[in-house]
Amino acid sequence: MNVYDFDNTILRGDSTARFFAWCLRKRPRMWRDAPAQAVNGLLFVLKLRKKQAFKQRMLHFLTLIGDVDRAVDEFWADNFSRVKAWYPPRHRDDDVVISASPEFLIRPACQRLGILTVIGSPVDKRSGLFLGPNCHGREKVARFRARFPGGRIDEFFSDSRSDQPLAELAEKAWLVKGEKLIEW
C-alpha cells in the first residue's frame, strides 16, 4: 500500500486552516469568537499553549456553524480543485491517508479521490473536542500499526519532515514540494 499525508501533500494548503477561513466568510456568526481565537493564536505563537490544545480551542468554531456536515460538503465543493495534479495518476485502490487534520473534515475529499482508508485526528465535529491524540509525528505510526498490524508501506508521501517516523516504515519515501516529488 501507499501512504500519504494530506495537507500540503495531496492538497494545496492546510485543510483545517482553509475550512476555518471559509467558515469565517460563509458563517458570519463565527466572528463572535474572534477575540478568543486571537488570544488562542497568540498563546500558541508564544509557546504558552501546546499544539493539541491550540487546535482544540481553534476547532471550537464548529459549535457556531450549525450543520457541520453541510458546511464540510459546501467547503469541498469550493475547494476540491486544490487537489494537486500529481496525485490522481498515482492513485491505487489500497491508498491510505494519515493526517493530523480532523478525520471528519478530510474523509469526504478522500472519498471523492477514491481513498477509502482515512486516518485523521479524532475530533468531535459538533464540539471541536479531541477524542484522542492529535495524529501527528509518532502518533501516525501508532495509528498505522493499530489499523494494519504487520502492514507494509510501499511508498510514503509527505510535505513535512515531522513525518520522518512514518517515512522510516516505507520501502521508499517522497518529500512533496508543490507538484514535485523529491526522494526523502
Protein backbone atom coordinates (compact mmCIF):
# COMPACT_ATOMS: atom_id res chain seq x y z
CA MET A 1 0.00 0.00 0.00
CA ASN A 2 0.97 3.62 -0.46
CA VAL A 3 0.50 6.04 2.45
CA TYR A 4 0.01 9.78 2.12
CA ASP A 5 -0.13 12.79 4.35
CA PHE A 6 -2.97 15.06 3.20
CA ASP A 7 -2.35 18.78 3.80
CA ASN A 8 0.29 20.31 1.52
CA THR A 9 0.84 16.82 0.14
CA ILE A 10 -2.29 15.81 -1.77
CA LEU A 11 -4.00 19.15 -1.15
CA ARG A 12 -2.51 22.59 -1.79
CA GLY A 13 -2.70 24.22 1.62
CA ASP A 14 -3.91 23.18 5.05
CA SER A 15 -7.50 21.89 5.01
CA THR A 16 -8.26 22.89 8.62
CA ALA A 17 -6.99 26.45 8.21
CA ARG A 18 -8.79 26.77 4.87
CA PHE A 19 -12.03 25.41 6.37
CA PHE A 20 -11.74 27.88 9.25
CA ALA A 21 -11.24 30.79 6.83
CA TRP A 22 -14.05 29.52 4.57
CA CYS A 23 -16.40 29.35 7.55
CA LEU A 24 -15.47 32.91 8.57
CA ARG A 25 -16.68 34.04 5.14
CA LYS A 26 -19.73 31.78 4.89
CA ARG A 27 -20.86 31.58 8.53
CA PRO A 28 -20.53 35.16 9.90
CA ARG A 29 -21.64 34.26 13.43
CA MET A 30 -18.17 32.77 13.85
CA TRP A 31 -16.85 36.32 14.21
CA ARG A 32 -18.27 36.38 17.75
CA ASP A 33 -15.44 34.06 18.72
CA ALA A 34 -12.70 36.10 17.02
CA PRO A 35 -11.23 37.69 20.19
CA ALA A 36 -10.84 34.31 21.91
CA GLN A 37 -9.37 32.85 18.70
CA ALA A 38 -6.84 35.70 18.57
CA VAL A 39 -5.77 35.04 22.17
CA ASN A 40 -5.52 31.31 21.40
CA GLY A 41 -3.26 32.02 18.42
CA LEU A 42 -1.07 34.37 20.44
CA LEU A 43 -0.64 31.82 23.24
CA PHE A 44 0.40 29.20 20.68
CA VAL A 45 2.87 31.53 18.93
CA LEU A 46 4.39 32.42 22.32
CA LYS A 47 4.67 28.67 23.07
CA LEU A 48 2.39 29.03 26.08
CA ARG A 49 -0.14 26.60 24.58
CA LYS A 50 0.62 23.16 23.16
CA LYS A 51 -0.40 22.26 19.62
CA GLN A 52 -3.30 19.97 20.50
CA ALA A 53 -4.75 22.48 22.99
CA PHE A 54 -4.40 25.22 20.37
CA LYS A 55 -6.12 23.11 17.72
CA GLN A 56 -8.91 22.09 20.07
CA ARG A 57 -9.61 25.70 21.03
CA MET A 58 -9.50 26.76 17.39
CA LEU A 59 -11.94 23.98 16.47
CA HIS A 60 -14.40 25.39 18.99
CA PHE A 61 -15.71 27.39 16.00
CA LEU A 62 -17.56 24.20 14.97
CA THR A 63 -20.12 24.97 17.70
CA LEU A 64 -21.04 28.17 15.83
CA ILE A 65 -21.59 26.95 12.26
CA GLY A 66 -24.78 24.91 12.51
CA ASP A 67 -24.90 21.84 10.23
CA VAL A 68 -21.24 20.80 10.13
CA ASP A 69 -21.76 18.05 7.54
CA ARG A 70 -23.40 20.53 5.18
CA ALA A 71 -20.62 23.07 5.75
CA VAL A 72 -17.97 20.41 5.03
CA ASP A 73 -19.74 19.37 1.81
CA GLU A 74 -20.01 23.00 0.68
CA PHE A 75 -16.37 23.60 1.59
CA TRP A 76 -15.18 20.69 -0.56
CA ALA A 77 -17.42 21.80 -3.42
CA ASP A 78 -15.47 25.10 -3.33
CA ASN A 79 -12.02 23.63 -2.56
CA PHE A 80 -11.71 20.19 -4.18
CA SER A 81 -9.91 21.81 -7.11
CA ARG A 82 -6.98 22.33 -4.70
CA VAL A 83 -6.04 18.65 -5.08
CA LYS A 84 -2.56 18.57 -6.62
CA ALA A 85 -2.29 17.24 -10.17
CA TRP A 86 0.46 14.72 -9.35
CA TYR A 87 -1.82 12.59 -7.12
CA PRO A 88 -4.69 11.27 -9.32
CA PRO A 89 -2.42 9.40 -11.78
CA ARG A 90 -0.68 7.66 -8.84
CA HIS A 91 -3.92 6.61 -7.13
CA ARG A 92 -4.20 2.95 -6.11
CA ASP A 93 -7.18 1.20 -4.56
CA ASP A 94 -5.19 0.45 -1.40
CA ASP A 95 -4.03 4.05 -0.78
CA VAL A 96 -4.16 5.26 2.82
CA VAL A 97 -4.22 8.84 4.10
CA ILE A 98 -2.84 9.54 7.58
CA SER A 99 -3.20 13.17 8.61
CA ALA A 100 -3.23 15.45 11.63
CA SER A 101 -6.34 17.13 10.21
CA PRO A 102 -9.70 16.20 11.70
CA GLU A 103 -10.85 12.96 10.13
CA PHE A 104 -14.41 14.20 9.63
CA LEU A 105 -13.05 17.09 7.53
CA ILE A 106 -10.74 15.22 5.16
CA ARG A 107 -12.75 12.00 4.73
CA PRO A 108 -15.21 13.47 2.15
CA ALA A 109 -12.35 14.75 -0.06
CA CYS A 110 -10.54 11.43 0.22
CA GLN A 111 -13.71 9.55 -0.72
CA ARG A 112 -14.06 11.73 -3.83
CA LEU A 113 -10.49 10.72 -4.70
CA GLY A 114 -11.30 7.03 -4.20
CA ILE A 115 -9.24 6.79 -1.00
CA LEU A 116 -11.22 4.54 1.33
CA THR A 117 -8.85 4.35 4.30
CA VAL A 118 -8.51 7.67 6.11
CA ILE A 119 -6.87 8.07 9.49
CA GLY A 120 -7.01 11.57 10.94
CA SER A 121 -7.18 13.30 14.27
CA PRO A 122 -10.27 12.14 16.16
CA VAL A 123 -12.32 15.30 16.66
CA ASP A 124 -15.98 15.62 17.58
CA LYS A 125 -17.44 17.63 14.71
CA ARG A 126 -20.08 19.27 16.89
CA SER A 127 -17.91 20.40 19.81
CA GLY A 128 -14.39 20.56 18.33
CA LEU A 129 -13.12 18.42 21.22
CA PHE A 130 -10.37 15.90 20.55
CA LEU A 131 -11.47 12.33 21.26
CA GLY A 132 -7.88 11.06 21.26
CA PRO A 133 -4.34 12.23 20.47
CA ASN A 134 -3.57 14.58 17.59
CA CYS A 135 -2.50 12.32 14.69
CA HIS A 136 0.97 13.83 14.24
CA GLY A 137 4.56 12.55 14.19
CA ARG A 138 4.96 9.26 16.06
CA GLU A 139 1.20 9.09 16.65
CA LYS A 140 0.80 8.46 12.91
CA VAL A 141 2.95 5.33 13.25
CA ALA A 142 0.92 4.15 16.25
CA ARG A 143 -2.34 4.69 14.36
CA PHE A 144 -0.96 2.92 11.25
CA ARG A 145 0.19 -0.11 13.27
CA ALA A 146 -3.14 -0.29 15.13
CA ARG A 147 -5.05 -0.31 11.83
CA PHE A 148 -2.63 -2.51 9.90
CA PRO A 149 -0.76 -4.86 12.27
CA GLY A 150 2.19 -6.13 10.24
CA GLY A 151 1.23 -3.79 7.38
CA ARG A 152 3.88 -2.83 4.83
CA ILE A 153 4.20 0.60 3.21
CA ASP A 154 5.47 0.52 -0.36
CA GLU A 155 5.70 4.29 -0.78
CA PHE A 156 5.10 7.19 1.60
CA PHE A 157 4.45 10.81 0.59
CA SER A 158 4.55 13.91 2.81
CA ASP A 159 5.45 17.58 2.68
CA SER A 160 6.83 17.56 6.24
CA ARG A 161 9.96 16.19 7.90
CA SER A 162 7.82 15.74 11.05
CA ASP A 163 6.57 12.60 9.28
CA GLN A 164 10.04 11.01 9.45
CA PRO A 165 8.79 8.20 11.76
CA LEU A 166 6.26 7.09 9.12
CA ALA A 167 8.75 7.59 6.27
CA GLU A 168 11.11 5.17 8.03
CA LEU A 169 8.50 2.40 7.69
CA ALA A 170 8.27 2.77 3.91
CA GLU A 171 10.26 0.97 1.23
CA LYS A 172 10.52 4.37 -0.50
CA ALA A 173 9.60 7.81 0.83
CA TRP A 174 8.96 11.03 -1.06
CA LEU A 175 9.04 14.64 0.11
CA VAL A 176 6.35 16.65 -1.69
CA LYS A 177 7.22 20.24 -2.59
CA GLY A 178 4.42 21.81 -4.58
CA GLU A 179 3.91 19.44 -7.51
CA LYS A 180 7.42 17.99 -7.23
CA LEU A 181 8.29 14.66 -5.63
CA ILE A 182 11.78 14.55 -4.13
CA GLU A 183 13.36 11.40 -2.71
CA TRP A 184 13.28 11.54 1.08
